[in-house]
N, C-alpha and C. Protein backbone atom coordinates (compact mmCIF):
# COMPACT_ATOMS: atom_id res chain seq x y z
N UNK A 1 39.71 109.31 96.68
CA UNK A 1 38.22 109.67 96.14
C UNK A 1 37.97 108.43 94.87
N UNK A 2 36.21 108.19 94.53
CA UNK A 2 35.78 108.11 93.69
C UNK A 2 34.49 108.29 93.03
N UNK A 3 34.49 109.15 91.96
CA UNK A 3 33.80 110.04 91.53
C UNK A 3 32.91 109.43 90.44
N UNK A 4 31.63 109.46 91.00
CA UNK A 4 30.65 108.77 89.79
C UNK A 4 29.93 110.12 89.40
N UNK A 5 29.18 110.14 87.92
CA UNK A 5 28.70 110.64 87.33
C UNK A 5 27.64 109.48 86.69
N UNK A 6 26.29 109.69 87.19
CA UNK A 6 25.48 108.59 86.54
C UNK A 6 24.31 109.47 85.97
N UNK A 7 24.32 109.26 84.14
CA UNK A 7 22.95 109.58 83.79
C UNK A 7 22.78 111.03 83.64
N UNK A 8 23.54 111.77 83.96
CA UNK A 8 23.66 113.21 83.79
C UNK A 8 23.10 113.84 82.55
N UNK A 9 22.12 114.62 82.87
CA UNK A 9 21.42 115.17 81.96
C UNK A 9 21.32 116.53 81.94
N UNK A 10 21.49 117.65 81.08
CA UNK A 10 21.50 119.55 81.65
C UNK A 10 21.46 119.80 80.55
N UNK A 11 19.67 120.34 80.74
CA UNK A 11 18.91 121.51 79.83
C UNK A 11 18.94 122.49 79.85
N UNK A 12 19.11 123.39 78.97
CA UNK A 12 19.17 125.52 79.43
C UNK A 12 18.46 125.03 78.44
N UNK A 13 17.47 125.89 78.39
CA UNK A 13 16.33 127.25 77.42
C UNK A 13 16.49 125.36 76.08
N UNK A 14 15.80 124.85 76.64
CA UNK A 14 15.01 123.72 75.63
C UNK A 14 16.48 122.63 75.05
N UNK A 15 17.48 123.61 75.11
CA UNK A 15 18.71 123.03 74.29
C UNK A 15 19.59 121.27 75.77
N UNK A 16 19.98 120.21 75.32
CA UNK A 16 20.32 119.40 75.48
C UNK A 16 21.70 119.89 75.48
N UNK A 17 22.59 120.39 76.76
CA UNK A 17 23.82 120.61 76.92
C UNK A 17 25.05 119.22 77.42
N UNK A 18 24.51 118.46 78.06
CA UNK A 18 24.85 117.41 78.89
C UNK A 18 24.00 116.08 77.98
N UNK A 19 23.95 115.34 78.11
CA UNK A 19 23.12 114.00 77.37
C UNK A 19 23.30 112.59 78.17
N UNK A 20 22.51 112.50 79.14
CA UNK A 20 22.55 111.17 79.80
C UNK A 20 24.26 110.66 79.98
N UNK A 21 25.15 111.70 80.11
CA UNK A 21 26.63 111.39 80.58
C UNK A 21 27.06 110.54 82.31
N UNK A 22 27.63 109.24 81.60
CA UNK A 22 27.54 108.02 82.86
C UNK A 22 29.23 108.12 82.64
N UNK A 23 30.22 108.61 83.96
CA UNK A 23 31.52 108.46 83.83
C UNK A 23 32.04 107.51 84.92
N UNK A 24 33.33 107.25 85.53
CA UNK A 24 33.40 106.74 86.63
C UNK A 24 34.97 107.06 86.97
N UNK A 25 35.47 107.85 87.66
CA UNK A 25 36.37 108.67 87.84
C UNK A 25 37.05 108.29 89.47
N UNK A 26 38.44 107.88 89.80
CA UNK A 26 39.64 107.55 90.91
C UNK A 26 40.36 108.61 91.10
N UNK A 27 41.22 108.21 91.76
CA UNK A 27 41.56 109.23 92.65
C UNK A 27 43.28 108.47 91.98
N UNK A 28 43.89 109.34 92.02
CA UNK A 28 45.65 109.08 91.29
C UNK A 28 45.93 109.20 89.87
N UNK A 29 44.28 109.50 88.95
CA UNK A 29 44.39 109.31 87.42
C UNK A 29 44.02 110.87 86.76
N UNK A 30 44.43 110.85 85.82
CA UNK A 30 43.94 111.96 85.13
C UNK A 30 43.02 111.83 84.20
N UNK A 31 42.19 112.56 83.84
CA UNK A 31 41.03 112.12 82.87
C UNK A 31 40.92 113.39 82.12
N UNK A 32 41.34 113.41 80.77
CA UNK A 32 41.96 114.50 79.34
C UNK A 32 39.87 114.39 79.28
N UNK A 33 39.36 116.01 78.42
CA UNK A 33 38.14 115.39 78.26
C UNK A 33 38.33 116.18 76.50
N UNK A 34 38.04 116.40 75.58
CA UNK A 34 38.62 116.52 74.14
C UNK A 34 37.69 117.20 72.96
N UNK A 35 37.51 118.01 73.15
CA UNK A 35 36.49 118.20 72.36
C UNK A 35 35.96 120.18 71.78
N UNK A 36 35.27 120.31 70.96
CA UNK A 36 35.07 121.60 70.41
C UNK A 36 34.13 122.45 71.39
N UNK A 37 34.60 123.56 71.17
CA UNK A 37 33.64 124.67 71.91
C UNK A 37 32.29 124.33 71.97
N UNK A 38 31.77 124.29 73.19
CA UNK A 38 30.34 123.95 73.43
C UNK A 38 29.82 122.57 73.45
N UNK A 39 30.62 121.81 73.10
CA UNK A 39 30.60 119.98 72.96
C UNK A 39 29.70 119.78 74.62
N UNK A 40 30.34 120.51 75.56
CA UNK A 40 29.74 119.97 77.40
C UNK A 40 30.67 119.66 78.14
N UNK A 41 32.38 120.07 77.59
CA UNK A 41 32.91 119.65 78.60
C UNK A 41 33.44 120.82 80.17
N UNK A 42 32.87 122.09 79.66
CA UNK A 42 32.92 122.98 80.81
C UNK A 42 31.57 122.90 81.12
N UNK A 43 30.80 122.31 80.41
CA UNK A 43 29.57 122.16 81.60
C UNK A 43 29.57 120.67 82.58
N UNK A 44 30.42 120.03 82.05
CA UNK A 44 30.40 118.89 82.98
C UNK A 44 30.98 119.20 84.26
N UNK A 45 32.37 120.27 83.80
CA UNK A 45 32.91 120.60 84.99
C UNK A 45 32.41 121.74 85.76
N UNK A 46 31.87 122.14 84.91
CA UNK A 46 30.70 123.22 86.16
C UNK A 46 29.85 122.21 87.16
N UNK A 47 29.28 121.28 86.32
CA UNK A 47 28.75 120.56 87.16
C UNK A 47 29.18 119.60 88.25
N UNK A 48 30.10 118.95 88.05
CA UNK A 48 30.86 118.71 89.02
C UNK A 48 32.13 119.16 90.50
N UNK A 49 32.15 120.18 89.94
CA UNK A 49 31.94 121.63 91.15
C UNK A 49 30.68 121.87 92.05
N UNK A 50 29.67 121.93 91.20
CA UNK A 50 28.34 122.53 91.69
C UNK A 50 28.56 123.91 91.50
N UNK A 51 28.82 124.09 90.47
CA UNK A 51 28.93 125.60 90.12
C UNK A 51 27.38 125.52 89.38
N UNK A 52 26.83 124.58 88.54
CA UNK A 52 25.44 124.72 88.36
C UNK A 52 24.49 123.04 88.38
N UNK A 53 22.97 123.51 88.53
CA UNK A 53 22.42 121.79 89.22
C UNK A 53 22.23 121.40 88.13
N UNK A 54 22.33 119.88 87.62
CA UNK A 54 22.08 119.13 86.79
C UNK A 54 20.30 119.04 86.11
N UNK A 55 20.17 118.43 85.11
CA UNK A 55 18.28 118.76 85.43
C UNK A 55 17.64 116.82 85.69
N UNK A 56 18.45 116.16 85.06
CA UNK A 56 18.48 114.60 85.57
C UNK A 56 19.85 114.42 85.60
N UNK A 57 20.05 112.84 86.61
CA UNK A 57 20.51 112.03 87.34
C UNK A 57 21.84 112.42 88.46
N UNK A 58 22.94 112.30 88.96
CA UNK A 58 22.98 112.22 89.99
C UNK A 58 24.62 112.50 90.16
N UNK A 59 25.84 113.19 90.68
CA UNK A 59 26.97 112.95 91.33
C UNK A 59 27.10 112.64 91.81
N UNK A 60 28.42 111.46 92.54
CA UNK A 60 28.24 110.97 93.85
C UNK A 60 30.13 111.08 93.92
N UNK A 61 30.41 111.35 95.23
CA UNK A 61 31.77 111.62 95.85
C UNK A 61 31.54 110.71 96.46
N UNK A 62 32.34 109.59 97.01
CA UNK A 62 32.58 108.18 97.72
C UNK A 62 31.31 108.00 98.56
N UNK A 63 30.15 107.64 97.44
CA UNK A 63 28.66 107.48 97.66
C UNK A 63 27.85 108.35 98.32
N UNK A 64 28.44 109.95 98.65
CA UNK A 64 27.86 110.79 99.05
C UNK A 64 27.70 111.59 97.74
N UNK A 65 25.71 112.31 98.13
CA UNK A 65 25.42 112.72 96.57
C UNK A 65 25.12 114.31 96.29
N UNK A 66 25.16 114.86 95.52
CA UNK A 66 25.59 115.81 95.76
C UNK A 66 23.96 116.35 95.47
N UNK A 67 24.62 117.91 96.06
CA UNK A 67 22.68 118.49 96.31
C UNK A 67 22.20 117.79 96.88
N UNK A 68 22.04 116.97 97.93
CA UNK A 68 21.81 116.07 99.15
C UNK A 68 22.34 115.71 100.61
N UNK A 69 24.05 115.79 99.82
CA UNK A 69 24.80 115.26 101.33
C UNK A 69 26.11 116.61 101.13
N UNK A 70 25.92 117.03 99.97
CA UNK A 70 26.86 118.13 100.30
C UNK A 70 26.81 119.02 98.97
N UNK A 71 27.24 120.47 98.29
CA UNK A 71 26.84 121.20 97.65
C UNK A 71 28.05 120.91 97.00
N UNK A 72 29.29 121.74 97.38
CA UNK A 72 30.54 121.55 96.68
C UNK A 72 31.53 120.37 97.10
N UNK A 73 32.61 119.36 96.46
CA UNK A 73 33.29 118.70 96.85
C UNK A 73 34.06 119.29 97.55
N UNK A 74 34.46 118.43 98.57
CA UNK A 74 35.33 118.97 99.33
C UNK A 74 36.86 118.35 98.94
N UNK A 75 37.64 119.77 99.41
CA UNK A 75 39.41 119.11 98.20
C UNK A 75 39.12 119.44 97.17
N UNK A 76 38.05 120.39 97.03
CA UNK A 76 38.27 121.19 95.69
C UNK A 76 39.40 122.02 94.87
N UNK A 77 40.42 121.95 93.71
CA UNK A 77 40.44 122.92 93.50
C UNK A 77 40.52 123.06 92.02
N UNK A 78 40.06 124.21 91.37
CA UNK A 78 39.41 124.15 90.11
C UNK A 78 40.10 125.78 89.32
N UNK A 79 39.86 125.38 88.12
CA UNK A 79 40.32 126.97 87.06
C UNK A 79 39.38 126.42 86.11
N UNK A 80 38.53 127.60 86.03
CA UNK A 80 37.38 126.62 84.87
C UNK A 80 37.07 128.15 83.93
N UNK A 81 37.36 128.52 82.75
CA UNK A 81 37.62 129.12 81.99
C UNK A 81 38.09 130.83 82.77
N UNK A 82 38.15 132.19 82.19
CA UNK A 82 39.40 133.00 82.08
C UNK A 82 39.36 133.56 83.54
N UNK A 83 40.42 132.90 84.45
CA UNK A 83 40.18 133.25 86.05
C UNK A 83 40.22 134.92 86.37
N UNK A 84 39.77 135.18 87.07
CA UNK A 84 39.01 136.74 87.07
C UNK A 84 39.40 137.09 89.19
N UNK A 85 40.42 138.52 88.84
CA UNK A 85 40.96 138.85 90.33
C UNK A 85 40.62 140.07 90.69
N UNK A 86 40.97 140.51 91.90
CA UNK A 86 40.45 142.09 91.80
C UNK A 86 41.58 142.40 91.22
N UNK A 87 41.06 143.41 90.68
CA UNK A 87 42.55 144.25 90.18
C UNK A 87 43.27 145.04 90.82
N UNK A 88 42.99 145.46 92.00
CA UNK A 88 43.93 146.41 92.77
C UNK A 88 44.54 146.05 94.05
N UNK A 89 44.89 144.63 93.57
CA UNK A 89 45.56 143.59 95.20
C UNK A 89 46.26 142.69 93.79
N UNK A 90 47.59 142.75 95.12
CA UNK A 90 48.71 141.97 94.57
C UNK A 90 48.14 140.26 94.64
N UNK A 91 49.14 139.54 93.56
CA UNK A 91 48.84 138.33 93.22
C UNK A 91 48.67 137.47 94.51
N UNK A 92 49.17 138.37 95.28
CA UNK A 92 49.79 136.81 96.84
C UNK A 92 48.68 137.82 98.02
N UNK A 93 47.85 139.17 97.62
CA UNK A 93 46.60 139.86 98.22
C UNK A 93 45.79 139.15 98.43
N UNK A 94 45.25 138.29 97.11
CA UNK A 94 44.21 137.69 96.03
C UNK A 94 43.82 136.11 96.68
N UNK A 95 45.45 135.70 96.28
CA UNK A 95 45.31 134.82 97.36
C UNK A 95 45.11 134.20 99.00
N UNK A 96 45.52 135.39 99.43
CA UNK A 96 45.57 135.28 100.71
C UNK A 96 43.60 135.39 100.81
N UNK A 97 43.50 136.35 100.45
CA UNK A 97 41.64 136.68 100.32
C UNK A 97 41.19 135.35 100.72
N UNK A 98 41.28 135.06 99.40
CA UNK A 98 40.29 133.38 98.94
C UNK A 98 40.92 132.38 99.77
N UNK A 99 41.71 132.50 100.97
CA UNK A 99 42.70 130.94 101.36
C UNK A 99 41.14 131.84 103.03
N UNK A 100 40.87 132.70 103.42
CA UNK A 100 40.78 133.06 104.43
C UNK A 100 39.24 132.35 104.13
N UNK A 101 38.42 131.89 103.22
CA UNK A 101 37.19 131.29 102.89
C UNK A 101 37.25 130.28 103.85
N UNK A 102 38.01 128.68 103.24
CA UNK A 102 38.67 127.70 104.05
C UNK A 102 39.29 127.81 105.41
N UNK A 103 40.26 128.37 105.22
CA UNK A 103 41.45 129.00 106.76
C UNK A 103 41.80 127.47 106.82
N UNK A 104 42.09 127.06 105.75
CA UNK A 104 43.21 125.82 105.77
C UNK A 104 44.51 126.14 105.60
N UNK A 105 44.96 127.09 104.71
CA UNK A 105 47.09 126.96 104.59
C UNK A 105 46.89 128.33 105.42
N UNK A 106 48.72 128.61 105.50
CA UNK A 106 49.07 129.60 105.49
C UNK A 106 49.31 130.44 104.71
N UNK A 107 50.26 131.37 105.16
CA UNK A 107 50.96 132.61 104.37
C UNK A 107 51.78 131.81 103.46
N UNK A 108 52.77 130.96 104.19
CA UNK A 108 53.83 130.43 103.41
C UNK A 108 53.02 129.19 102.42
N UNK A 109 51.85 128.66 102.40
CA UNK A 109 51.57 127.39 101.16
C UNK A 109 51.29 128.46 100.47
N UNK A 110 50.91 129.61 100.48
CA UNK A 110 50.53 130.48 98.87
C UNK A 110 51.94 130.73 98.74
N UNK A 111 52.79 131.41 99.00
CA UNK A 111 54.21 131.14 98.59
C UNK A 111 54.30 130.59 97.82
N UNK A 112 54.81 129.38 98.74
CA UNK A 112 54.83 128.09 97.71
C UNK A 112 54.16 127.88 96.71
N UNK A 113 52.61 128.13 96.30
CA UNK A 113 51.80 127.81 94.95
C UNK A 113 52.30 128.66 94.14
N UNK A 114 52.66 130.24 94.48
CA UNK A 114 53.24 130.66 93.53
C UNK A 114 53.96 130.87 92.92
N UNK A 115 55.66 130.70 93.50
CA UNK A 115 56.65 130.33 93.52
C UNK A 115 56.50 129.01 92.16
N UNK A 116 55.66 127.56 92.51
CA UNK A 116 55.73 126.78 91.98
C UNK A 116 55.21 127.27 90.59
N UNK A 117 54.85 128.24 90.25
CA UNK A 117 53.76 128.02 88.70
C UNK A 117 54.64 129.20 87.93
N UNK A 118 55.76 129.93 88.82
CA UNK A 118 56.72 130.93 88.39
C UNK A 118 56.03 132.53 88.38
N UNK A 119 55.41 132.60 90.11
CA UNK A 119 55.09 134.12 90.11
C UNK A 119 55.89 134.45 90.89
N UNK A 120 56.59 135.26 91.75
CA UNK A 120 57.65 135.93 92.63
C UNK A 120 56.37 136.90 94.06
N UNK A 121 56.17 135.91 94.80
CA UNK A 121 55.16 135.89 96.31
C UNK A 121 55.17 137.42 95.95
N UNK A 122 56.45 138.29 96.17
CA UNK A 122 56.79 139.62 96.31
C UNK A 122 56.70 140.68 95.87
N UNK A 123 55.89 140.36 94.58
CA UNK A 123 55.70 141.01 93.34
C UNK A 123 54.36 142.21 93.74
N UNK A 124 54.76 143.50 93.81
CA UNK A 124 54.05 144.49 94.33
C UNK A 124 53.17 145.27 93.32
N UNK A 125 53.05 144.74 91.91
CA UNK A 125 51.97 145.06 91.11
C UNK A 125 50.83 144.15 91.51
N UNK A 126 49.84 145.16 91.61
CA UNK A 126 48.36 144.77 91.16
C UNK A 126 48.19 143.94 90.07
N UNK A 127 47.78 143.04 89.97
CA UNK A 127 46.94 142.26 88.98
C UNK A 127 46.25 143.08 87.94
N UNK A 128 46.08 144.17 87.65
CA UNK A 128 45.61 144.54 86.51
C UNK A 128 46.79 145.38 85.14
N UNK A 129 47.61 144.39 85.99
CA UNK A 129 48.54 144.78 85.28
C UNK A 129 49.45 143.62 85.24
N UNK A 130 48.94 141.97 85.35
CA UNK A 130 49.35 141.13 85.15
C UNK A 130 49.24 141.30 83.33
N UNK A 131 49.87 140.55 82.73
CA UNK A 131 49.29 139.54 81.46
C UNK A 131 49.08 138.80 81.84
N UNK A 132 48.50 137.78 80.27
CA UNK A 132 47.29 137.34 80.17
C UNK A 132 48.04 136.26 80.99
N UNK A 133 48.67 135.87 80.43
CA UNK A 133 49.83 134.37 80.62
C UNK A 133 49.92 134.61 82.69
N UNK A 134 50.67 135.51 82.82
CA UNK A 134 50.51 136.12 84.73
C UNK A 134 49.30 135.64 85.69
N UNK A 135 47.71 135.98 84.90
CA UNK A 135 46.47 135.52 85.19
C UNK A 135 46.30 134.59 85.05
N UNK A 136 47.01 133.71 84.26
CA UNK A 136 46.68 132.38 84.40
C UNK A 136 47.43 131.42 85.13
N UNK A 137 48.64 132.30 85.27
CA UNK A 137 49.39 131.76 86.14
C UNK A 137 48.78 131.56 88.04
N UNK A 138 48.53 132.82 87.93
CA UNK A 138 47.55 132.87 89.60
C UNK A 138 46.29 132.24 89.48
N UNK A 139 46.22 132.02 88.65
CA UNK A 139 44.89 131.43 88.57
C UNK A 139 45.12 129.48 89.00
N UNK A 140 46.12 129.14 88.12
CA UNK A 140 46.27 127.78 88.35
C UNK A 140 46.50 127.32 90.28
N UNK A 141 47.92 128.73 90.56
CA UNK A 141 48.52 128.69 92.12
C UNK A 141 47.27 128.51 92.89
N UNK A 142 45.91 129.48 92.26
CA UNK A 142 44.65 129.36 93.28
C UNK A 142 44.25 128.01 93.31
N UNK A 143 43.86 127.50 92.34
CA UNK A 143 43.58 125.78 92.05
C UNK A 143 44.39 125.03 92.99
N UNK A 144 45.67 125.07 92.99
CA UNK A 144 46.67 123.96 93.49
C UNK A 144 46.85 124.24 94.82
N UNK A 145 46.59 125.77 95.58
CA UNK A 145 47.11 125.96 96.69
C UNK A 145 46.92 125.18 98.15
N UNK A 146 45.46 124.40 98.16
CA UNK A 146 44.72 124.04 99.23
C UNK A 146 44.97 122.16 99.20
N UNK A 147 46.23 122.21 98.27
CA UNK A 147 46.33 120.95 98.01
C UNK A 147 44.79 119.85 97.43
N UNK A 148 44.93 120.13 96.31
CA UNK A 148 43.19 119.39 96.50
C UNK A 148 43.33 118.00 96.19
N UNK A 149 41.91 117.74 96.61
CA UNK A 149 42.22 116.28 96.59
C UNK A 149 41.27 115.61 95.14
N UNK A 150 40.68 116.90 94.75
CA UNK A 150 39.73 117.06 93.09
C UNK A 150 40.59 118.13 92.68
N UNK A 151 41.06 118.11 91.41
CA UNK A 151 41.56 119.65 90.44
C UNK A 151 41.03 119.36 89.37
N UNK A 152 40.61 120.37 89.22
CA UNK A 152 39.93 120.32 87.39
C UNK A 152 39.93 121.55 86.91
N UNK A 153 40.45 121.31 85.73
CA UNK A 153 41.80 122.46 85.23
C UNK A 153 41.06 122.90 83.80
N UNK A 154 40.27 123.86 83.19
CA UNK A 154 39.83 123.99 81.83
C UNK A 154 40.53 124.34 81.08
N UNK A 155 41.34 124.02 80.49
CA UNK A 155 42.32 124.77 79.25
C UNK A 155 43.13 125.37 79.86
N UNK A 156 43.98 124.96 81.08
CA UNK A 156 45.07 125.47 81.61
C UNK A 156 46.24 125.95 80.52
N UNK A 157 46.28 126.20 79.74
CA UNK A 157 47.67 126.30 79.19
C UNK A 157 47.24 127.65 78.22
N UNK A 158 46.08 128.30 78.39
CA UNK A 158 46.01 129.21 77.61
C UNK A 158 46.51 130.58 78.44
N UNK A 159 47.15 130.98 77.17
CA UNK A 159 47.86 132.17 77.47
C UNK A 159 49.05 132.22 77.83
N UNK A 160 49.98 130.78 78.15
CA UNK A 160 51.29 130.70 78.81
C UNK A 160 52.35 130.03 77.51
N UNK A 161 53.33 130.83 77.97
CA UNK A 161 54.37 130.97 76.59
C UNK A 161 55.12 128.85 76.93
N UNK A 162 55.64 128.59 76.41
CA UNK A 162 56.64 126.55 76.12
C UNK A 162 57.05 126.84 77.70
N UNK A 163 57.61 127.90 78.16
CA UNK A 163 57.83 127.74 79.83
C UNK A 163 57.43 127.13 80.50
N UNK A 164 55.94 128.25 80.23
CA UNK A 164 55.29 128.20 81.46
C UNK A 164 54.04 126.90 80.96
N UNK A 165 54.24 126.79 79.91
CA UNK A 165 53.44 124.92 79.87
C UNK A 165 53.77 124.24 79.96
N UNK A 166 55.30 123.87 80.25
CA UNK A 166 56.02 123.05 80.80
C UNK A 166 55.76 122.92 82.44
N UNK A 167 55.98 123.99 83.10
CA UNK A 167 55.89 124.18 84.46
C UNK A 167 54.41 123.53 84.93
N UNK A 168 53.22 124.20 83.83
CA UNK A 168 51.89 123.47 84.48
C UNK A 168 51.88 121.99 84.24
N UNK A 169 52.08 121.42 83.16
CA UNK A 169 52.28 119.87 82.79
C UNK A 169 53.37 119.03 84.20
N UNK A 170 54.04 119.96 84.48
CA UNK A 170 55.08 119.71 85.73
C UNK A 170 54.22 119.78 86.73
N UNK A 171 53.23 120.24 87.35
CA UNK A 171 52.72 120.57 88.40
C UNK A 171 51.40 119.34 88.07
N UNK A 172 50.95 119.60 87.34
CA UNK A 172 50.11 118.54 86.99
C UNK A 172 50.33 116.78 87.61
N UNK A 173 51.09 116.12 86.49
CA UNK A 173 51.75 115.08 87.36
C UNK A 173 51.94 115.08 88.44
N UNK A 174 53.06 116.75 89.23
CA UNK A 174 53.01 116.04 90.75
C UNK A 174 52.20 115.83 91.61
N UNK A 175 50.50 116.68 91.52
CA UNK A 175 49.32 116.39 92.22
C UNK A 175 48.78 115.24 91.59
N UNK A 176 48.76 114.37 90.57
CA UNK A 176 48.55 113.29 90.15
C UNK A 176 49.49 112.36 91.52
N UNK A 177 50.60 112.56 90.89
CA UNK A 177 51.57 111.83 92.11
C UNK A 177 50.86 111.85 93.64
N UNK A 178 50.72 112.60 94.39
CA UNK A 178 49.92 113.43 95.43
C UNK A 178 48.67 112.77 95.94
N UNK A 179 48.36 112.26 94.35
CA UNK A 179 46.42 110.76 94.89
C UNK A 179 45.61 111.89 94.34
N UNK A 180 45.99 113.05 93.88
CA UNK A 180 44.81 113.61 93.25
C UNK A 180 43.86 112.78 91.49
N UNK A 181 42.65 113.38 92.03
CA UNK A 181 41.66 113.04 90.91
C UNK A 181 41.39 114.21 90.18
N UNK A 182 42.33 114.22 88.57
CA UNK A 182 42.13 115.00 88.01
C UNK A 182 41.63 115.53 86.45
N UNK A 183 41.00 116.09 86.62
CA UNK A 183 40.10 115.94 85.32
C UNK A 183 40.37 117.62 84.19
N UNK A 184 41.08 117.38 83.36
CA UNK A 184 41.88 118.27 82.74
C UNK A 184 40.98 118.48 80.87
N UNK A 185 40.79 119.73 80.76
CA UNK A 185 40.21 120.18 79.90
C UNK A 185 41.02 120.40 78.32
N UNK A 186 41.58 120.41 76.82
CA UNK A 186 42.29 120.94 76.74
C UNK A 186 42.32 121.19 75.25
N UNK A 187 42.64 121.34 74.31
CA UNK A 187 41.84 121.93 72.72
C UNK A 187 43.38 121.01 72.26
N UNK A 188 44.44 120.39 72.80
CA UNK A 188 45.65 120.09 72.17
C UNK A 188 45.53 118.85 72.54
N UNK A 189 45.52 118.12 71.77
CA UNK A 189 44.76 116.20 71.34
C UNK A 189 46.62 116.13 72.41
N UNK A 190 47.32 116.49 71.22
CA UNK A 190 48.68 116.43 71.92
C UNK A 190 49.14 115.36 73.75
N UNK A 191 48.89 117.39 74.03
CA UNK A 191 48.71 116.98 75.59
C UNK A 191 48.40 116.22 76.23
N UNK A 192 46.74 116.00 75.74
CA UNK A 192 46.16 115.46 76.19
C UNK A 192 46.80 113.97 76.32
N UNK A 193 47.51 113.39 75.76
CA UNK A 193 47.48 112.18 75.24
C UNK A 193 48.79 111.50 76.16
N UNK A 194 49.67 112.51 76.52
CA UNK A 194 50.73 112.82 76.80
C UNK A 194 50.26 112.45 78.57
N UNK A 195 49.71 113.63 78.85
CA UNK A 195 49.19 113.66 80.33
C UNK A 195 48.45 112.83 80.88
N UNK A 196 47.45 112.26 79.70
CA UNK A 196 46.12 111.74 80.46
C UNK A 196 46.00 110.04 80.63
N UNK A 197 45.66 109.88 81.83
CA UNK A 197 45.01 108.65 81.68
C UNK A 197 44.06 107.39 80.76
N UNK A 198 43.02 108.56 80.53
CA UNK A 198 42.06 107.88 79.86
C UNK A 198 41.39 109.32 79.19
N UNK A 199 40.76 109.11 77.61
CA UNK A 199 40.47 110.25 77.40
C UNK A 199 39.28 110.37 76.92
N UNK A 200 38.46 111.49 76.96
CA UNK A 200 37.03 111.34 76.56
C UNK A 200 37.07 111.99 75.54
N UNK A 201 36.27 111.88 74.13
CA UNK A 201 35.88 112.51 73.66
C UNK A 201 34.06 112.70 73.70
N UNK A 202 34.14 114.29 73.29
CA UNK A 202 33.35 114.98 73.86
C UNK A 202 32.55 115.59 72.64
N UNK A 203 31.44 115.08 72.44
CA UNK A 203 30.43 115.87 71.19
C UNK A 203 28.84 115.74 71.52
N UNK A 204 28.45 117.38 71.61
CA UNK A 204 26.69 117.32 71.62
C UNK A 204 26.52 116.99 73.10
N UNK A 205 27.23 117.04 73.96
CA UNK A 205 27.21 116.61 75.40
C UNK A 205 27.18 115.38 75.37
N UNK A 206 27.68 114.40 74.96
CA UNK A 206 27.88 113.20 74.78
C UNK A 206 29.49 112.44 75.19
N UNK A 207 29.44 111.74 76.09
CA UNK A 207 31.11 111.11 76.32
C UNK A 207 31.27 110.27 75.50
N UNK A 208 32.28 109.88 75.12
CA UNK A 208 33.02 108.44 74.66
C UNK A 208 34.70 108.03 75.20
N UNK A 209 34.72 107.13 75.53
CA UNK A 209 35.99 107.17 75.68
C UNK A 209 37.02 106.55 74.14
N UNK A 210 37.94 107.45 74.23
CA UNK A 210 38.96 107.26 73.18
C UNK A 210 40.02 105.71 72.69
N UNK A 211 39.60 105.12 71.26
CA UNK A 211 40.03 103.78 71.54
C UNK A 211 41.94 103.77 70.84
N UNK A 212 42.28 102.68 71.06
CA UNK A 212 43.25 102.97 70.22
C UNK A 212 43.18 103.24 68.96
N UNK A 213 42.62 103.04 68.52
CA UNK A 213 42.52 103.44 66.98
C UNK A 213 42.38 104.69 66.57
N UNK A 214 41.30 105.50 67.55
CA UNK A 214 41.17 106.87 67.58
C UNK A 214 42.34 107.65 67.86
N UNK A 215 43.21 106.95 69.15
CA UNK A 215 44.41 108.02 68.98
C UNK A 215 45.82 107.47 68.04
């Protein structure tokens, strides 16, 4: 997969939140986004996932253009901001309902994804009783359960303890080895440096590559 972001600008109520962004990303690589809240990291992720329409520029995947040839990327797995689930259903039931949209995976695939993130597939508790960390784990399980070709993770370590962070880092590297293109936003620069092949510094909607001196 080759993802190209060409001269992408997004303007909201007169404010430029993405400013002439041009990036090229390829499968089998992890691309880290580092910047303050409101810098444009999440907005770019939303644009790539088809959750917003850009004002100018274009986004293409393997030559096909978003909003012309497709709306949402094929093979997309994503966790953007705080995951929200149906509170009166179990974690497994929530993922099972979501899997019915594409009908690409079976119950066993969902169970394996839950185990990978450290959740018990047979847990009978509804998600309203989940801790913040458990909801975060469930969100990551949702993002990976359909074996994504494009994996977009916005602050995936939020709410996780040390063991949870290690599990998620292991999952991210496993997905890279499977050939996924991974876009990762994280406030922890050290974590980004340990995981990413390329890191982009994000400031006021502009993206620039970190140099060795900056690292």
